[in-house]
């Protein structure tokens, strides 16, 4: 209940203050909007550049898949050799 009363009092005082200092409010708003646009634009530039770097890394990863295929073939061959060796060891027992 205290929160409800406090919120109502703050809203009434804010409405009264806005009506009394409306010119100053507009002046503050006129000064704050360019700053918000500047900060928002800077954030958008940073995020866009970060996304661009991620796409560059993905493109580099696609170019490296040829080497990964060679490694996978080598490992598959090694696994097959080890399976054959295990089978021969089982047969010897």
N, C-alpha and C. Protein backbone atom coordinates (compact mmCIF):
# COMPACT_ATOMS: atom_id res chain seq x y z
N UNK A 1 0.83 -1.19 0.00
CA UNK A 1 0.00 0.00 0.00
C UNK A 1 0.87 1.26 0.00
N UNK A 2 2.00 1.18 0.73
CA UNK A 2 2.90 2.34 0.78
C UNK A 2 3.47 2.62 -0.62
N UNK A 3 3.75 1.57 -1.36
CA UNK A 3 4.30 1.73 -2.70
C UNK A 3 3.29 2.40 -3.62
N UNK A 4 2.03 2.01 -3.51
CA UNK A 4 0.98 2.61 -4.33
C UNK A 4 0.83 4.09 -4.04
N UNK A 5 0.83 4.45 -2.77
CA UNK A 5 0.69 5.87 -2.39
C UNK A 5 1.93 6.65 -2.82
N UNK A 6 3.10 6.08 -2.61
CA UNK A 6 4.34 6.75 -3.02
C UNK A 6 4.40 6.95 -4.52
N UNK A 7 3.94 5.94 -5.30
CA UNK A 7 3.93 6.07 -6.75
C UNK A 7 2.95 7.14 -7.22
N UNK A 8 1.79 7.22 -6.57
CA UNK A 8 0.80 8.23 -6.93
C UNK A 8 1.32 9.62 -6.63
N UNK A 9 1.97 9.80 -5.47
CA UNK A 9 2.52 11.10 -5.11
C UNK A 9 3.63 11.49 -6.09
N UNK A 10 4.49 10.55 -6.45
CA UNK A 10 5.58 10.85 -7.39
C UNK A 10 5.02 11.22 -8.76
N UNK A 11 3.96 10.53 -9.21
CA UNK A 11 3.36 10.85 -10.51
C UNK A 11 2.74 12.24 -10.50
N UNK A 12 2.06 12.61 -9.43
CA UNK A 12 1.44 13.94 -9.33
C UNK A 12 2.53 15.01 -9.30
N UNK A 13 3.57 14.79 -8.50
CA UNK A 13 4.66 15.77 -8.44
C UNK A 13 5.37 15.89 -9.79
N UNK A 14 5.54 14.76 -10.49
CA UNK A 14 6.15 14.80 -11.81
C UNK A 14 5.30 15.56 -12.81
N UNK A 15 4.00 15.38 -12.74
CA UNK A 15 3.09 16.11 -13.64
C UNK A 15 3.12 17.61 -13.35
N UNK A 16 3.13 17.96 -12.07
CA UNK A 16 3.21 19.37 -11.70
C UNK A 16 4.55 19.96 -12.15
N UNK A 17 5.64 19.24 -11.90
CA UNK A 17 6.97 19.72 -12.30
C UNK A 17 7.09 19.86 -13.81
N UNK A 18 6.48 18.93 -14.54
CA UNK A 18 6.54 19.01 -16.01
C UNK A 18 5.77 20.22 -16.52
N UNK A 19 4.63 20.51 -15.89
CA UNK A 19 3.84 21.66 -16.35
C UNK A 19 4.52 22.98 -15.98
N UNK A 20 5.20 23.03 -14.82
CA UNK A 20 5.87 24.26 -14.40
C UNK A 20 7.13 24.51 -15.21
N UNK A 21 7.92 23.47 -15.45
CA UNK A 21 9.20 23.61 -16.15
C UNK A 21 9.16 22.97 -17.54
N UNK A 22 8.09 23.17 -18.28
CA UNK A 22 7.94 22.54 -19.59
C UNK A 22 9.01 23.04 -20.57
N UNK A 23 9.32 24.31 -20.54
CA UNK A 23 10.35 24.87 -21.44
C UNK A 23 11.70 24.25 -21.17
N UNK A 24 12.05 24.13 -19.89
CA UNK A 24 13.33 23.52 -19.53
C UNK A 24 13.35 22.04 -19.90
N UNK A 25 12.18 21.37 -19.77
CA UNK A 25 12.10 19.96 -20.17
C UNK A 25 12.39 19.80 -21.65
N UNK A 26 11.81 20.67 -22.48
CA UNK A 26 12.06 20.61 -23.92
C UNK A 26 13.53 20.90 -24.24
N UNK A 27 14.12 21.82 -23.49
CA UNK A 27 15.52 22.15 -23.70
C UNK A 27 16.41 20.94 -23.34
N UNK A 28 16.08 20.28 -22.24
CA UNK A 28 16.81 19.08 -21.85
C UNK A 28 16.64 17.98 -22.88
N UNK A 29 15.41 17.83 -23.37
CA UNK A 29 15.14 16.81 -24.38
C UNK A 29 15.89 17.11 -25.68
N UNK A 30 15.95 18.38 -26.05
CA UNK A 30 16.68 18.77 -27.26
C UNK A 30 18.18 18.50 -27.12
N UNK A 31 18.71 18.58 -25.92
CA UNK A 31 20.12 18.29 -25.70
C UNK A 31 20.39 16.80 -25.57
N UNK A 32 19.40 16.03 -25.11
CA UNK A 32 19.62 14.61 -24.86
C UNK A 32 19.47 13.78 -26.13
N UNK A 33 18.62 14.19 -27.04
CA UNK A 33 18.37 13.39 -28.25
C UNK A 33 19.62 13.23 -29.10
N UNK A 34 20.38 14.28 -29.40
CA UNK A 34 21.60 14.07 -30.19
C UNK A 34 22.62 13.15 -29.50
N UNK A 35 22.71 13.25 -28.18
CA UNK A 35 23.65 12.40 -27.45
C UNK A 35 23.21 10.94 -27.55
N UNK A 36 21.91 10.69 -27.41
CA UNK A 36 21.40 9.33 -27.53
C UNK A 36 21.62 8.78 -28.94
N UNK A 37 21.40 9.62 -29.96
CA UNK A 37 21.63 9.19 -31.34
C UNK A 37 23.11 8.88 -31.57
N UNK A 38 23.98 9.70 -31.02
CA UNK A 38 25.42 9.48 -31.16
C UNK A 38 25.85 8.16 -30.51
N UNK A 39 25.38 7.93 -29.29
CA UNK A 39 25.74 6.70 -28.58
C UNK A 39 25.12 5.48 -29.25
N UNK A 40 23.87 5.60 -29.70
CA UNK A 40 23.22 4.48 -30.39
C UNK A 40 23.90 4.16 -31.70
N UNK A 41 24.30 5.18 -32.44
CA UNK A 41 25.01 4.96 -33.70
C UNK A 41 26.37 4.32 -33.48
N UNK A 42 27.07 4.75 -32.44
CA UNK A 42 28.36 4.14 -32.11
C UNK A 42 28.20 2.68 -31.74
N UNK A 43 27.17 2.36 -30.97
CA UNK A 43 26.91 0.98 -30.60
C UNK A 43 26.57 0.14 -31.83
N UNK A 44 25.76 0.69 -32.73
CA UNK A 44 25.41 -0.04 -33.95
C UNK A 44 26.64 -0.28 -34.82
N UNK A 45 27.52 0.71 -34.94
CA UNK A 45 28.76 0.53 -35.69
C UNK A 45 29.63 -0.57 -35.09
N UNK A 46 29.76 -0.56 -33.78
CA UNK A 46 30.57 -1.57 -33.10
C UNK A 46 30.00 -2.96 -33.33
N UNK A 47 28.69 -3.13 -33.16
CA UNK A 47 28.07 -4.43 -33.33
C UNK A 47 28.15 -4.90 -34.79
N UNK A 48 27.98 -3.97 -35.73
CA UNK A 48 28.09 -4.32 -37.14
C UNK A 48 29.49 -4.77 -37.50
N UNK A 49 30.50 -4.08 -36.99
CA UNK A 49 31.88 -4.46 -37.26
C UNK A 49 32.21 -5.81 -36.63
N UNK A 50 31.68 -6.05 -35.42
CA UNK A 50 31.91 -7.33 -34.75
C UNK A 50 31.27 -8.47 -35.55
N UNK A 51 30.09 -8.24 -36.09
CA UNK A 51 29.42 -9.26 -36.91
C UNK A 51 30.20 -9.51 -38.20
N UNK A 52 30.75 -8.45 -38.78
CA UNK A 52 31.55 -8.58 -39.99
C UNK A 52 32.81 -9.40 -39.72
N UNK A 53 33.45 -9.18 -38.57
CA UNK A 53 34.62 -9.98 -38.22
C UNK A 53 34.26 -11.45 -38.06
N UNK A 54 33.07 -11.73 -37.50
CA UNK A 54 32.64 -13.12 -37.35
C UNK A 54 32.44 -13.78 -38.71
N UNK A 55 31.89 -13.05 -39.67
CA UNK A 55 31.71 -13.64 -41.00
C UNK A 55 33.05 -13.88 -41.67
N UNK A 56 34.03 -13.01 -41.43
CA UNK A 56 35.36 -13.22 -41.98
C UNK A 56 35.98 -14.49 -41.40
N UNK A 57 35.77 -14.71 -40.10
CA UNK A 57 36.32 -15.91 -39.47
C UNK A 57 35.65 -17.16 -40.02
N UNK A 58 34.34 -17.09 -40.29
CA UNK A 58 33.63 -18.24 -40.86
C UNK A 58 34.17 -18.55 -42.26
N UNK A 59 34.43 -17.50 -43.04
CA UNK A 59 34.96 -17.71 -44.39
C UNK A 59 36.34 -18.36 -44.33
N UNK A 60 37.16 -17.96 -43.37
CA UNK A 60 38.47 -18.57 -43.22
C UNK A 60 38.33 -20.02 -42.81
N UNK A 61 37.33 -20.33 -41.98
CA UNK A 61 37.10 -21.70 -41.55
C UNK A 61 36.69 -22.58 -42.71
N UNK A 62 35.93 -22.05 -43.67
CA UNK A 62 35.52 -22.81 -44.85
C UNK A 62 36.73 -23.14 -45.71
N UNK A 63 37.68 -22.23 -45.79
CA UNK A 63 38.87 -22.46 -46.60
C UNK A 63 39.76 -23.53 -45.96
N UNK A 64 39.69 -23.69 -44.66
CA UNK A 64 40.54 -24.66 -43.96
C UNK A 64 39.94 -26.06 -43.93
N UNK A 65 38.76 -26.28 -44.48
CA UNK A 65 38.13 -27.61 -44.40
C UNK A 65 38.89 -28.64 -45.21
N UNK A 66 39.64 -28.24 -46.22
CA UNK A 66 40.44 -29.18 -46.99
C UNK A 66 41.47 -29.86 -46.12
N UNK A 67 42.13 -29.13 -45.27
CA UNK A 67 43.10 -29.71 -44.36
C UNK A 67 42.40 -30.60 -43.34
N UNK A 68 41.22 -30.22 -42.91
CA UNK A 68 40.48 -31.03 -41.94
C UNK A 68 40.05 -32.35 -42.57
N UNK A 69 39.70 -32.35 -43.86
CA UNK A 69 39.32 -33.58 -44.54
C UNK A 69 40.51 -34.54 -44.61
N UNK A 70 41.70 -34.00 -44.88
CA UNK A 70 42.89 -34.84 -44.92
C UNK A 70 43.14 -35.48 -43.55
N UNK A 71 42.99 -34.70 -42.50
CA UNK A 71 43.18 -35.23 -41.16
C UNK A 71 42.14 -36.29 -40.84
N UNK A 72 40.91 -36.07 -41.23
CA UNK A 72 39.86 -37.05 -40.92
C UNK A 72 40.12 -38.37 -41.66
N UNK A 73 40.59 -38.29 -42.89
CA UNK A 73 40.91 -39.51 -43.63
C UNK A 73 42.06 -40.27 -42.96
N UNK A 74 43.03 -39.51 -42.47
CA UNK A 74 44.17 -40.12 -41.79
C UNK A 74 43.71 -40.82 -40.52
N UNK A 75 42.82 -40.17 -39.77
CA UNK A 75 42.33 -40.77 -38.53
C UNK A 75 41.44 -41.97 -38.80
N UNK A 76 40.64 -41.92 -39.85
CA UNK A 76 39.81 -43.08 -40.20
C UNK A 76 40.68 -44.28 -40.55
N UNK A 77 41.75 -44.04 -41.28
CA UNK A 77 42.66 -45.12 -41.64
C UNK A 77 43.34 -45.69 -40.40
N UNK A 78 43.72 -44.80 -39.49
CA UNK A 78 44.35 -45.26 -38.26
C UNK A 78 43.37 -46.08 -37.41
N UNK A 79 42.13 -45.69 -37.36
CA UNK A 79 41.11 -46.44 -36.62
C UNK A 79 40.91 -47.81 -37.24
N UNK A 80 40.85 -47.86 -38.56
CA UNK A 80 40.70 -49.16 -39.23
C UNK A 80 41.89 -50.08 -38.94
N UNK A 81 43.09 -49.52 -38.96
CA UNK A 81 44.28 -50.31 -38.64
C UNK A 81 44.23 -50.84 -37.21
N UNK A 82 43.79 -50.00 -36.28
CA UNK A 82 43.70 -50.43 -34.89
C UNK A 82 42.62 -51.51 -34.70
N UNK A 83 41.52 -51.39 -35.43
CA UNK A 83 40.47 -52.41 -35.35
C UNK A 83 41.00 -53.76 -35.85
N UNK A 84 41.77 -53.71 -36.94
CA UNK A 84 42.36 -54.95 -37.47
C UNK A 84 43.32 -55.56 -36.47
N UNK A 85 44.10 -54.71 -35.82
CA UNK A 85 45.06 -55.20 -34.83
C UNK A 85 44.34 -55.81 -33.62
N UNK A 86 43.26 -55.22 -33.20
CA UNK A 86 42.47 -55.76 -32.09
C UNK A 86 41.90 -57.12 -32.47
N UNK A 87 41.39 -57.22 -33.69
CA UNK A 87 40.84 -58.51 -34.15
C UNK A 87 41.91 -59.60 -34.17
N UNK A 88 43.12 -59.25 -34.61
CA UNK A 88 44.19 -60.25 -34.63
C UNK A 88 44.60 -60.66 -33.22
N UNK A 89 44.58 -59.68 -32.28
CA UNK A 89 44.91 -60.01 -30.90
C UNK A 89 43.85 -60.89 -30.27
N UNK A 90 42.60 -60.66 -30.62
CA UNK A 90 41.51 -61.50 -30.10
C UNK A 90 41.61 -62.92 -30.67
N UNK A 91 42.01 -63.02 -31.92
CA UNK A 91 42.12 -64.32 -32.57
C UNK A 91 43.27 -65.13 -31.97
N UNK A 92 44.35 -64.48 -31.51
CA UNK A 92 45.51 -65.15 -30.93
C UNK A 92 45.20 -65.77 -29.58
N UNK A 93 44.22 -65.26 -28.87
CA UNK A 93 43.92 -65.79 -27.54
C UNK A 93 43.26 -67.06 -27.68
